[in-house]
mmCIF file of all heavy atoms, coordinates in Angstrom:
data_MODEL
# 
_entry.id   MODEL 
# 
loop_
_atom_site.group_PDB 
_atom_site.id 
_atom_site.type_symbol 
_atom_site.label_atom_id 
_atom_site.label_alt_id 
_atom_site.label_comp_id 
_atom_site.label_asym_id 
_atom_site.label_entity_id 
_atom_site.label_seq_id 
_atom_site.pdbx_PDB_ins_code 
_atom_site.Cartn_x 
_atom_site.Cartn_y 
_atom_site.Cartn_z 
_atom_site.occupancy 
_atom_site.B_iso_or_equiv 
_atom_site.pdbx_formal_charge 
_atom_site.auth_seq_id 
_atom_site.auth_comp_id 
_atom_site.auth_asym_id 
_atom_site.auth_atom_id 
_atom_site.pdbx_PDB_model_num 
ATOM 1   N N   . PRO A 1 1  ? -4.057  0.716   -9.455  1.00 0.00 ? 1  PRO A N   1 
ATOM 2   C CA  . PRO A 1 1  ? -2.841  1.416   -9.095  1.00 0.00 ? 1  PRO A CA  1 
ATOM 3   C C   . PRO A 1 1  ? -1.859  1.414   -10.235 1.00 0.00 ? 1  PRO A C   1 
ATOM 4   O O   . PRO A 1 1  ? -1.937  0.669   -11.190 1.00 0.00 ? 1  PRO A O   1 
ATOM 5   C CB  . PRO A 1 1  ? -2.338  0.589   -7.947  1.00 0.00 ? 1  PRO A CB  1 
ATOM 6   C CG  . PRO A 1 1  ? -2.751  -0.811  -8.277  1.00 0.00 ? 1  PRO A CG  1 
ATOM 7   C CD  . PRO A 1 1  ? -4.088  -0.690  -8.988  1.00 0.00 ? 1  PRO A CD  1 
ATOM 8   N N   . GLY A 1 2  ? -0.814  2.262   -10.103 1.00 0.00 ? 2  GLY A N   1 
ATOM 9   C CA  . GLY A 1 2  ? 0.338   2.166   -10.933 1.00 0.00 ? 2  GLY A CA  1 
ATOM 10  C C   . GLY A 1 2  ? 0.140   2.723   -12.371 1.00 0.00 ? 2  GLY A C   1 
ATOM 11  O O   . GLY A 1 2  ? 0.932   2.411   -13.235 1.00 0.00 ? 2  GLY A O   1 
ATOM 12  N N   . ILE A 1 3  ? -0.916  3.533   -12.608 1.00 0.00 ? 3  ILE A N   1 
ATOM 13  C CA  . ILE A 1 3  ? -1.106  4.092   -13.928 1.00 0.00 ? 3  ILE A CA  1 
ATOM 14  C C   . ILE A 1 3  ? -0.425  5.491   -13.991 1.00 0.00 ? 3  ILE A C   1 
ATOM 15  O O   . ILE A 1 3  ? -0.681  6.333   -13.143 1.00 0.00 ? 3  ILE A O   1 
ATOM 16  C CB  . ILE A 1 3  ? -2.617  4.285   -14.313 1.00 0.00 ? 3  ILE A CB  1 
ATOM 17  C CG1 . ILE A 1 3  ? -3.325  2.902   -14.243 1.00 0.00 ? 3  ILE A CG1 1 
ATOM 18  C CG2 . ILE A 1 3  ? -2.872  4.939   -15.630 1.00 0.00 ? 3  ILE A CG2 1 
ATOM 19  C CD1 . ILE A 1 3  ? -4.837  2.986   -14.422 1.00 0.00 ? 3  ILE A CD1 1 
ATOM 20  N N   . ARG A 1 4  ? 0.462   5.638   -14.940 1.00 0.00 ? 4  ARG A N   1 
ATOM 21  C CA  . ARG A 1 4  ? 1.233   6.846   -15.045 1.00 0.00 ? 4  ARG A CA  1 
ATOM 22  C C   . ARG A 1 4  ? 0.259   8.074   -15.206 1.00 0.00 ? 4  ARG A C   1 
ATOM 23  O O   . ARG A 1 4  ? -0.636  8.056   -16.004 1.00 0.00 ? 4  ARG A O   1 
ATOM 24  C CB  . ARG A 1 4  ? 2.210   6.794   -16.168 1.00 0.00 ? 4  ARG A CB  1 
ATOM 25  C CG  . ARG A 1 4  ? 3.078   8.032   -16.384 1.00 0.00 ? 4  ARG A CG  1 
ATOM 26  C CD  . ARG A 1 4  ? 4.039   7.856   -17.530 1.00 0.00 ? 4  ARG A CD  1 
ATOM 27  N NE  . ARG A 1 4  ? 4.948   6.738   -17.334 1.00 0.00 ? 4  ARG A NE  1 
ATOM 28  C CZ  . ARG A 1 4  ? 5.905   6.425   -18.219 1.00 0.00 ? 4  ARG A CZ  1 
ATOM 29  N NH1 . ARG A 1 4  ? 5.988   7.096   -19.363 1.00 0.00 ? 4  ARG A NH1 1 
ATOM 30  N NH2 . ARG A 1 4  ? 6.676   5.357   -17.970 1.00 0.00 ? 4  ARG A NH2 1 
ATOM 31  N N   . GLY A 1 5  ? 0.522   9.084   -14.436 1.00 0.00 ? 5  GLY A N   1 
ATOM 32  C CA  . GLY A 1 5  ? -0.267  10.274  -14.432 1.00 0.00 ? 5  GLY A CA  1 
ATOM 33  C C   . GLY A 1 5  ? -1.613  10.233  -13.777 1.00 0.00 ? 5  GLY A C   1 
ATOM 34  O O   . GLY A 1 5  ? -2.249  11.193  -13.632 1.00 0.00 ? 5  GLY A O   1 
ATOM 35  N N   . ILE A 1 6  ? -1.943  9.024   -13.291 1.00 0.00 ? 6  ILE A N   1 
ATOM 36  C CA  . ILE A 1 6  ? -3.265  8.895   -12.616 1.00 0.00 ? 6  ILE A CA  1 
ATOM 37  C C   . ILE A 1 6  ? -3.140  8.350   -11.268 1.00 0.00 ? 6  ILE A C   1 
ATOM 38  O O   . ILE A 1 6  ? -3.579  8.879   -10.234 1.00 0.00 ? 6  ILE A O   1 
ATOM 39  C CB  . ILE A 1 6  ? -4.263  7.988   -13.483 1.00 0.00 ? 6  ILE A CB  1 
ATOM 40  C CG1 . ILE A 1 6  ? -4.520  8.678   -14.796 1.00 0.00 ? 6  ILE A CG1 1 
ATOM 41  C CG2 . ILE A 1 6  ? -5.544  7.711   -12.723 1.00 0.00 ? 6  ILE A CG2 1 
ATOM 42  C CD1 . ILE A 1 6  ? -5.375  7.899   -15.726 1.00 0.00 ? 6  ILE A CD1 1 
ATOM 43  N N   . SER A 1 7  ? -2.482  7.218   -11.141 1.00 0.00 ? 7  SER A N   1 
ATOM 44  C CA  . SER A 1 7  ? -2.332  6.525   -9.833  1.00 0.00 ? 7  SER A CA  1 
ATOM 45  C C   . SER A 1 7  ? -0.961  5.915   -9.616  1.00 0.00 ? 7  SER A C   1 
ATOM 46  O O   . SER A 1 7  ? -0.782  4.925   -8.941  1.00 0.00 ? 7  SER A O   1 
ATOM 47  C CB  . SER A 1 7  ? -3.367  5.381   -9.793  1.00 0.00 ? 7  SER A CB  1 
ATOM 48  O OG  . SER A 1 7  ? -3.205  4.469   -10.813 1.00 0.00 ? 7  SER A OG  1 
ATOM 49  N N   . SER A 1 8  ? 0.065   6.629   -10.116 1.00 0.00 ? 8  SER A N   1 
ATOM 50  C CA  . SER A 1 8  ? 1.401   6.074   -10.054 1.00 0.00 ? 8  SER A CA  1 
ATOM 51  C C   . SER A 1 8  ? 2.014   6.118   -8.616  1.00 0.00 ? 8  SER A C   1 
ATOM 52  O O   . SER A 1 8  ? 2.891   5.360   -8.397  1.00 0.00 ? 8  SER A O   1 
ATOM 53  C CB  . SER A 1 8  ? 2.334   6.966   -10.962 1.00 0.00 ? 8  SER A CB  1 
ATOM 54  O OG  . SER A 1 8  ? 2.323   8.348   -10.547 1.00 0.00 ? 8  SER A OG  1 
ATOM 55  N N   . ARG A 1 9  ? 1.384   6.840   -7.714  1.00 0.00 ? 9  ARG A N   1 
ATOM 56  C CA  . ARG A 1 9  ? 1.789   6.887   -6.332  1.00 0.00 ? 9  ARG A CA  1 
ATOM 57  C C   . ARG A 1 9  ? 0.953   6.009   -5.403  1.00 0.00 ? 9  ARG A C   1 
ATOM 58  O O   . ARG A 1 9  ? 1.111   6.079   -4.206  1.00 0.00 ? 9  ARG A O   1 
ATOM 59  C CB  . ARG A 1 9  ? 1.886   8.322   -5.821  1.00 0.00 ? 9  ARG A CB  1 
ATOM 60  C CG  . ARG A 1 9  ? 2.925   9.202   -6.460  1.00 0.00 ? 9  ARG A CG  1 
ATOM 61  C CD  . ARG A 1 9  ? 2.915   10.585  -5.857  1.00 0.00 ? 9  ARG A CD  1 
ATOM 62  N NE  . ARG A 1 9  ? 4.078   11.367  -6.296  1.00 0.00 ? 9  ARG A NE  1 
ATOM 63  C CZ  . ARG A 1 9  ? 4.052   12.119  -7.427  1.00 0.00 ? 9  ARG A CZ  1 
ATOM 64  N NH1 . ARG A 1 9  ? 2.961   12.183  -8.138  1.00 0.00 ? 9  ARG A NH1 1 
ATOM 65  N NH2 . ARG A 1 9  ? 5.143   12.834  -7.771  1.00 0.00 ? 9  ARG A NH2 1 
ATOM 66  N N   . ILE A 1 10 ? 0.121   5.169   -6.004  1.00 0.00 ? 10 ILE A N   1 
ATOM 67  C CA  . ILE A 1 10 ? -0.716  4.290   -5.200  1.00 0.00 ? 10 ILE A CA  1 
ATOM 68  C C   . ILE A 1 10 ? -0.223  2.923   -5.277  1.00 0.00 ? 10 ILE A C   1 
ATOM 69  O O   . ILE A 1 10 ? -0.021  2.391   -6.399  1.00 0.00 ? 10 ILE A O   1 
ATOM 70  C CB  . ILE A 1 10 ? -2.211  4.401   -5.651  1.00 0.00 ? 10 ILE A CB  1 
ATOM 71  C CG1 . ILE A 1 10 ? -2.710  5.880   -5.600  1.00 0.00 ? 10 ILE A CG1 1 
ATOM 72  C CG2 . ILE A 1 10 ? -3.094  3.527   -4.703  1.00 0.00 ? 10 ILE A CG2 1 
ATOM 73  C CD1 . ILE A 1 10 ? -4.130  6.036   -6.113  1.00 0.00 ? 10 ILE A CD1 1 
ATOM 74  N N   . ARG A 1 11 ? -0.142  2.265   -4.149  1.00 0.00 ? 11 ARG A N   1 
ATOM 75  C CA  . ARG A 1 11 ? 0.365   0.828   -4.086  1.00 0.00 ? 11 ARG A CA  1 
ATOM 76  C C   . ARG A 1 11 ? -0.808  0.092   -3.310  1.00 0.00 ? 11 ARG A C   1 
ATOM 77  O O   . ARG A 1 11 ? -1.281  0.570   -2.305  1.00 0.00 ? 11 ARG A O   1 
ATOM 78  C CB  . ARG A 1 11 ? 1.633   0.685   -3.367  1.00 0.00 ? 11 ARG A CB  1 
ATOM 79  C CG  . ARG A 1 11 ? 2.782   1.348   -4.120  1.00 0.00 ? 11 ARG A CG  1 
ATOM 80  C CD  . ARG A 1 11 ? 3.984   1.630   -3.280  1.00 0.00 ? 11 ARG A CD  1 
ATOM 81  N NE  . ARG A 1 11 ? 3.693   2.574   -2.203  1.00 0.00 ? 11 ARG A NE  1 
ATOM 82  C CZ  . ARG A 1 11 ? 3.793   3.913   -2.403  1.00 0.00 ? 11 ARG A CZ  1 
ATOM 83  N NH1 . ARG A 1 11 ? 4.086   4.385   -3.601  1.00 0.00 ? 11 ARG A NH1 1 
ATOM 84  N NH2 . ARG A 1 11 ? 3.528   4.727   -1.397  1.00 0.00 ? 11 ARG A NH2 1 
ATOM 85  N N   . VAL A 1 12 ? -1.159  -1.063  -3.881  1.00 0.00 ? 12 VAL A N   1 
ATOM 86  C CA  . VAL A 1 12 ? -2.257  -1.927  -3.189  1.00 0.00 ? 12 VAL A CA  1 
ATOM 87  C C   . VAL A 1 12 ? -1.693  -3.295  -2.995  1.00 0.00 ? 12 VAL A C   1 
ATOM 88  O O   . VAL A 1 12 ? -1.174  -3.932  -3.905  1.00 0.00 ? 12 VAL A O   1 
ATOM 89  C CB  . VAL A 1 12 ? -3.508  -1.955  -4.171  1.00 0.00 ? 12 VAL A CB  1 
ATOM 90  C CG1 . VAL A 1 12 ? -4.637  -2.788  -3.484  1.00 0.00 ? 12 VAL A CG1 1 
ATOM 91  C CG2 . VAL A 1 12 ? -4.002  -0.558  -4.501  1.00 0.00 ? 12 VAL A CG2 1 
ATOM 92  N N   . ARG A 1 13 ? -1.879  -3.743  -1.778  1.00 0.00 ? 13 ARG A N   1 
ATOM 93  C CA  . ARG A 1 13 ? -1.527  -5.124  -1.441  1.00 0.00 ? 13 ARG A CA  1 
ATOM 94  C C   . ARG A 1 13 ? -2.633  -5.848  -0.694  1.00 0.00 ? 13 ARG A C   1 
ATOM 95  O O   . ARG A 1 13 ? -3.432  -5.206  0.004   1.00 0.00 ? 13 ARG A O   1 
ATOM 96  C CB  . ARG A 1 13 ? -0.226  -5.167  -0.640  1.00 0.00 ? 13 ARG A CB  1 
ATOM 97  C CG  . ARG A 1 13 ? -0.273  -4.409  0.684   1.00 0.00 ? 13 ARG A CG  1 
ATOM 98  C CD  . ARG A 1 13 ? 0.984   -4.580  1.513   1.00 0.00 ? 13 ARG A CD  1 
ATOM 99  N NE  . ARG A 1 13 ? 2.186   -4.521  0.796   1.00 0.00 ? 13 ARG A NE  1 
ATOM 100 C CZ  . ARG A 1 13 ? 3.334   -5.280  1.083   1.00 0.00 ? 13 ARG A CZ  1 
ATOM 101 N NH1 . ARG A 1 13 ? 3.319   -6.036  2.166   1.00 0.00 ? 13 ARG A NH1 1 
ATOM 102 N NH2 . ARG A 1 13 ? 4.370   -5.203  0.312   1.00 0.00 ? 13 ARG A NH2 1 
ATOM 103 N N   . SER A 1 14 ? -2.636  -7.144  -0.805  1.00 0.00 ? 14 SER A N   1 
ATOM 104 C CA  . SER A 1 14 ? -3.618  -7.931  -0.121  1.00 0.00 ? 14 SER A CA  1 
ATOM 105 C C   . SER A 1 14 ? -2.886  -9.014  0.656   1.00 0.00 ? 14 SER A C   1 
ATOM 106 O O   . SER A 1 14 ? -1.935  -9.636  0.189   1.00 0.00 ? 14 SER A O   1 
ATOM 107 C CB  . SER A 1 14 ? -4.562  -8.639  -1.120  1.00 0.00 ? 14 SER A CB  1 
ATOM 108 O OG  . SER A 1 14 ? -5.470  -9.563  -0.466  1.00 0.00 ? 14 SER A OG  1 
ATOM 109 N N   . ILE A 1 15 ? -3.311  -9.203  2.002   1.00 0.00 ? 15 ILE A N   1 
ATOM 110 C CA  . ILE A 1 15 ? -2.676  -10.241 2.802   1.00 0.00 ? 15 ILE A CA  1 
ATOM 111 C C   . ILE A 1 15 ? -3.752  -11.237 3.269   1.00 0.00 ? 15 ILE A C   1 
ATOM 112 O O   . ILE A 1 15 ? -4.644  -10.811 3.933   1.00 0.00 ? 15 ILE A O   1 
ATOM 113 C CB  . ILE A 1 15 ? -1.962  -9.605  3.969   1.00 0.00 ? 15 ILE A CB  1 
ATOM 114 C CG1 . ILE A 1 15 ? -0.836  -8.702  3.488   1.00 0.00 ? 15 ILE A CG1 1 
ATOM 115 C CG2 . ILE A 1 15 ? -1.450  -10.688 4.965   1.00 0.00 ? 15 ILE A CG2 1 
ATOM 116 C CD1 . ILE A 1 15 ? -0.141  -7.964  4.616   1.00 0.00 ? 15 ILE A CD1 1 
ATOM 117 N N   . VAL A 1 16 ? -3.567  -12.483 2.764   1.00 0.00 ? 16 VAL A N   1 
ATOM 118 C CA  . VAL A 1 16 ? -4.490  -13.562 3.165   1.00 0.00 ? 16 VAL A CA  1 
ATOM 119 C C   . VAL A 1 16 ? -3.707  -14.626 3.910   1.00 0.00 ? 16 VAL A C   1 
ATOM 120 O O   . VAL A 1 16 ? -2.751  -15.225 3.254   1.00 0.00 ? 16 VAL A O   1 
ATOM 121 C CB  . VAL A 1 16 ? -5.254  -14.107 2.020   1.00 0.00 ? 16 VAL A CB  1 
ATOM 122 C CG1 . VAL A 1 16 ? -6.160  -15.236 2.435   1.00 0.00 ? 16 VAL A CG1 1 
ATOM 123 C CG2 . VAL A 1 16 ? -6.049  -12.977 1.285   1.00 0.00 ? 16 VAL A CG2 1 
ATOM 124 N N   . GLY A 1 17 ? -3.950  -14.909 5.146   1.00 0.00 ? 17 GLY A N   1 
ATOM 125 C CA  . GLY A 1 17 ? -3.210  -15.870 5.914   1.00 0.00 ? 17 GLY A CA  1 
ATOM 126 C C   . GLY A 1 17 ? -4.122  -16.746 6.781   1.00 0.00 ? 17 GLY A C   1 
ATOM 127 O O   . GLY A 1 17 ? -5.306  -16.871 6.579   1.00 0.00 ? 17 GLY A O   1 
ATOM 128 N N   . ARG A 1 18 ? -3.508  -17.207 7.851   1.00 0.00 ? 18 ARG A N   1 
ATOM 129 C CA  . ARG A 1 18 ? -4.229  -18.042 8.778   1.00 0.00 ? 18 ARG A CA  1 
ATOM 130 C C   . ARG A 1 18 ? -5.452  -17.350 9.430   1.00 0.00 ? 18 ARG A C   1 
ATOM 131 O O   . ARG A 1 18 ? -6.487  -17.969 9.643   1.00 0.00 ? 18 ARG A O   1 
ATOM 132 C CB  . ARG A 1 18 ? -3.270  -18.503 9.885   1.00 0.00 ? 18 ARG A CB  1 
ATOM 133 C CG  . ARG A 1 18 ? -3.889  -19.238 11.024  1.00 0.00 ? 18 ARG A CG  1 
ATOM 134 C CD  . ARG A 1 18 ? -2.879  -19.706 12.073  1.00 0.00 ? 18 ARG A CD  1 
ATOM 135 N NE  . ARG A 1 18 ? -3.477  -20.223 13.234  1.00 0.00 ? 18 ARG A NE  1 
ATOM 136 C CZ  . ARG A 1 18 ? -2.791  -20.667 14.303  1.00 0.00 ? 18 ARG A CZ  1 
ATOM 137 N NH1 . ARG A 1 18 ? -1.469  -20.643 14.326  1.00 0.00 ? 18 ARG A NH1 1 
ATOM 138 N NH2 . ARG A 1 18 ? -3.429  -21.223 15.350  1.00 0.00 ? 18 ARG A NH2 1 
ATOM 139 N N   . PHE A 1 19 ? -5.201  -16.076 9.727   1.00 0.00 ? 19 PHE A N   1 
ATOM 140 C CA  . PHE A 1 19 ? -6.340  -15.334 10.414  1.00 0.00 ? 19 PHE A CA  1 
ATOM 141 C C   . PHE A 1 19 ? -6.956  -14.360 9.342   1.00 0.00 ? 19 PHE A C   1 
ATOM 142 O O   . PHE A 1 19 ? -6.212  -13.869 8.466   1.00 0.00 ? 19 PHE A O   1 
ATOM 143 C CB  . PHE A 1 19 ? -5.784  -14.508 11.562  1.00 0.00 ? 19 PHE A CB  1 
ATOM 144 C CG  . PHE A 1 19 ? -5.272  -15.399 12.660  1.00 0.00 ? 19 PHE A CG  1 
ATOM 145 C CD1 . PHE A 1 19 ? -3.965  -15.565 12.867  1.00 0.00 ? 19 PHE A CD1 1 
ATOM 146 C CD2 . PHE A 1 19 ? -6.169  -15.998 13.555  1.00 0.00 ? 19 PHE A CD2 1 
ATOM 147 C CE1 . PHE A 1 19 ? -3.482  -16.388 13.838  1.00 0.00 ? 19 PHE A CE1 1 
ATOM 148 C CE2 . PHE A 1 19 ? -5.742  -16.797 14.531  1.00 0.00 ? 19 PHE A CE2 1 
ATOM 149 C CZ  . PHE A 1 19 ? -4.406  -17.042 14.695  1.00 0.00 ? 19 PHE A CZ  1 
ATOM 150 N N   . LEU A 1 20 ? -8.216  -14.101 9.435   1.00 0.00 ? 20 LEU A N   1 
ATOM 151 C CA  . LEU A 1 20 ? -8.905  -13.212 8.564   1.00 0.00 ? 20 LEU A CA  1 
ATOM 152 C C   . LEU A 1 20 ? -8.631  -11.772 8.952   1.00 0.00 ? 20 LEU A C   1 
ATOM 153 O O   . LEU A 1 20 ? -9.059  -11.344 10.038  1.00 0.00 ? 20 LEU A O   1 
ATOM 154 C CB  . LEU A 1 20 ? -10.448 -13.491 8.517   1.00 0.00 ? 20 LEU A CB  1 
ATOM 155 C CG  . LEU A 1 20 ? -11.241 -12.807 7.458   1.00 0.00 ? 20 LEU A CG  1 
ATOM 156 C CD1 . LEU A 1 20 ? -12.301 -13.674 6.882   1.00 0.00 ? 20 LEU A CD1 1 
ATOM 157 C CD2 . LEU A 1 20 ? -11.832 -11.497 7.970   1.00 0.00 ? 20 LEU A CD2 1 
ATOM 158 N N   . GLU A 1 21 ? -7.997  -11.028 8.063   1.00 0.00 ? 21 GLU A N   1 
ATOM 159 C CA  . GLU A 1 21 ? -7.712  -9.652  8.343   1.00 0.00 ? 21 GLU A CA  1 
ATOM 160 C C   . GLU A 1 21 ? -8.983  -8.842  8.297   1.00 0.00 ? 21 GLU A C   1 
ATOM 161 O O   . GLU A 1 21 ? -9.640  -8.770  7.337   1.00 0.00 ? 21 GLU A O   1 
ATOM 162 C CB  . GLU A 1 21 ? -6.681  -9.040  7.295   1.00 0.00 ? 21 GLU A CB  1 
ATOM 163 C CG  . GLU A 1 21 ? -5.286  -9.696  7.387   1.00 0.00 ? 21 GLU A CG  1 
ATOM 164 C CD  . GLU A 1 21 ? -4.645  -9.286  8.695   1.00 0.00 ? 21 GLU A CD  1 
ATOM 165 O OE1 . GLU A 1 21 ? -5.070  -8.296  9.289   1.00 0.00 ? 21 GLU A OE1 1 
ATOM 166 O OE2 . GLU A 1 21 ? -3.676  -9.999  9.040   1.00 0.00 ? 21 GLU A OE2 1 
ATOM 167 N N   . HIS A 1 22 ? -9.382  -8.255  9.467   1.00 0.00 ? 22 HIS A N   1 
ATOM 168 C CA  . HIS A 1 22 ? -10.608 -7.586  9.587   1.00 0.00 ? 22 HIS A CA  1 
ATOM 169 C C   . HIS A 1 22 ? -10.554 -6.211  10.099  1.00 0.00 ? 22 HIS A C   1 
ATOM 170 O O   . HIS A 1 22 ? -11.569 -5.455  10.002  1.00 0.00 ? 22 HIS A O   1 
ATOM 171 C CB  . HIS A 1 22 ? -11.447 -8.478  10.463  1.00 0.00 ? 22 HIS A CB  1 
ATOM 172 C CG  . HIS A 1 22 ? -12.960 -8.252  10.376  1.00 0.00 ? 22 HIS A CG  1 
ATOM 173 N ND1 . HIS A 1 22 ? -13.725 -7.725  11.402  1.00 0.00 ? 22 HIS A ND1 1 
ATOM 174 C CD2 . HIS A 1 22 ? -13.830 -8.497  9.401   1.00 0.00 ? 22 HIS A CD2 1 
ATOM 175 C CE1 . HIS A 1 22 ? -14.971 -7.672  11.000  1.00 0.00 ? 22 HIS A CE1 1 
ATOM 176 N NE2 . HIS A 1 22 ? -15.069 -8.085  9.773   1.00 0.00 ? 22 HIS A NE2 1 
ATOM 177 N N   . SER A 1 23 ? -9.425  -5.784  10.638  1.00 0.00 ? 23 SER A N   1 
ATOM 178 C CA  . SER A 1 23 ? -9.332  -4.422  11.192  1.00 0.00 ? 23 SER A CA  1 
ATOM 179 C C   . SER A 1 23 ? -9.327  -3.419  10.093  1.00 0.00 ? 23 SER A C   1 
ATOM 180 O O   . SER A 1 23 ? -8.706  -3.590  8.996   1.00 0.00 ? 23 SER A O   1 
ATOM 181 C CB  . SER A 1 23 ? -8.113  -4.309  12.066  1.00 0.00 ? 23 SER A CB  1 
ATOM 182 O OG  . SER A 1 23 ? -6.938  -4.591  11.401  1.00 0.00 ? 23 SER A OG  1 
ATOM 183 N N   . ARG A 1 24 ? -9.899  -2.233  10.392  1.00 0.00 ? 24 ARG A N   1 
ATOM 184 C CA  . ARG A 1 24 ? -9.875  -1.089  9.450   1.00 0.00 ? 24 ARG A CA  1 
ATOM 185 C C   . ARG A 1 24 ? -9.038  -0.036  10.072  1.00 0.00 ? 24 ARG A C   1 
ATOM 186 O O   . ARG A 1 24 ? -9.422  0.420   11.226  1.00 0.00 ? 24 ARG A O   1 
ATOM 187 C CB  . ARG A 1 24 ? -11.268 -0.615  9.107   1.00 0.00 ? 24 ARG A CB  1 
ATOM 188 C CG  . ARG A 1 24 ? -12.039 -1.482  8.193   1.00 0.00 ? 24 ARG A CG  1 
ATOM 189 C CD  . ARG A 1 24 ? -12.731 -2.657  8.860   1.00 0.00 ? 24 ARG A CD  1 
ATOM 190 N NE  . ARG A 1 24 ? -13.712 -3.252  8.001   1.00 0.00 ? 24 ARG A NE  1 
ATOM 191 C CZ  . ARG A 1 24 ? -14.627 -4.183  8.443   1.00 0.00 ? 24 ARG A CZ  1 
ATOM 192 N NH1 . ARG A 1 24 ? -14.574 -4.504  9.674   1.00 0.00 ? 24 ARG A NH1 1 
ATOM 193 N NH2 . ARG A 1 24 ? -15.488 -4.684  7.591   1.00 0.00 ? 24 ARG A NH2 1 
# 
């Protein structure tokens, strides 16, 4: 993400906590 002219409008986050995030 975040490459000018290629992916500048894409944001990626990861959340790791007590429960395993599994829903799509």
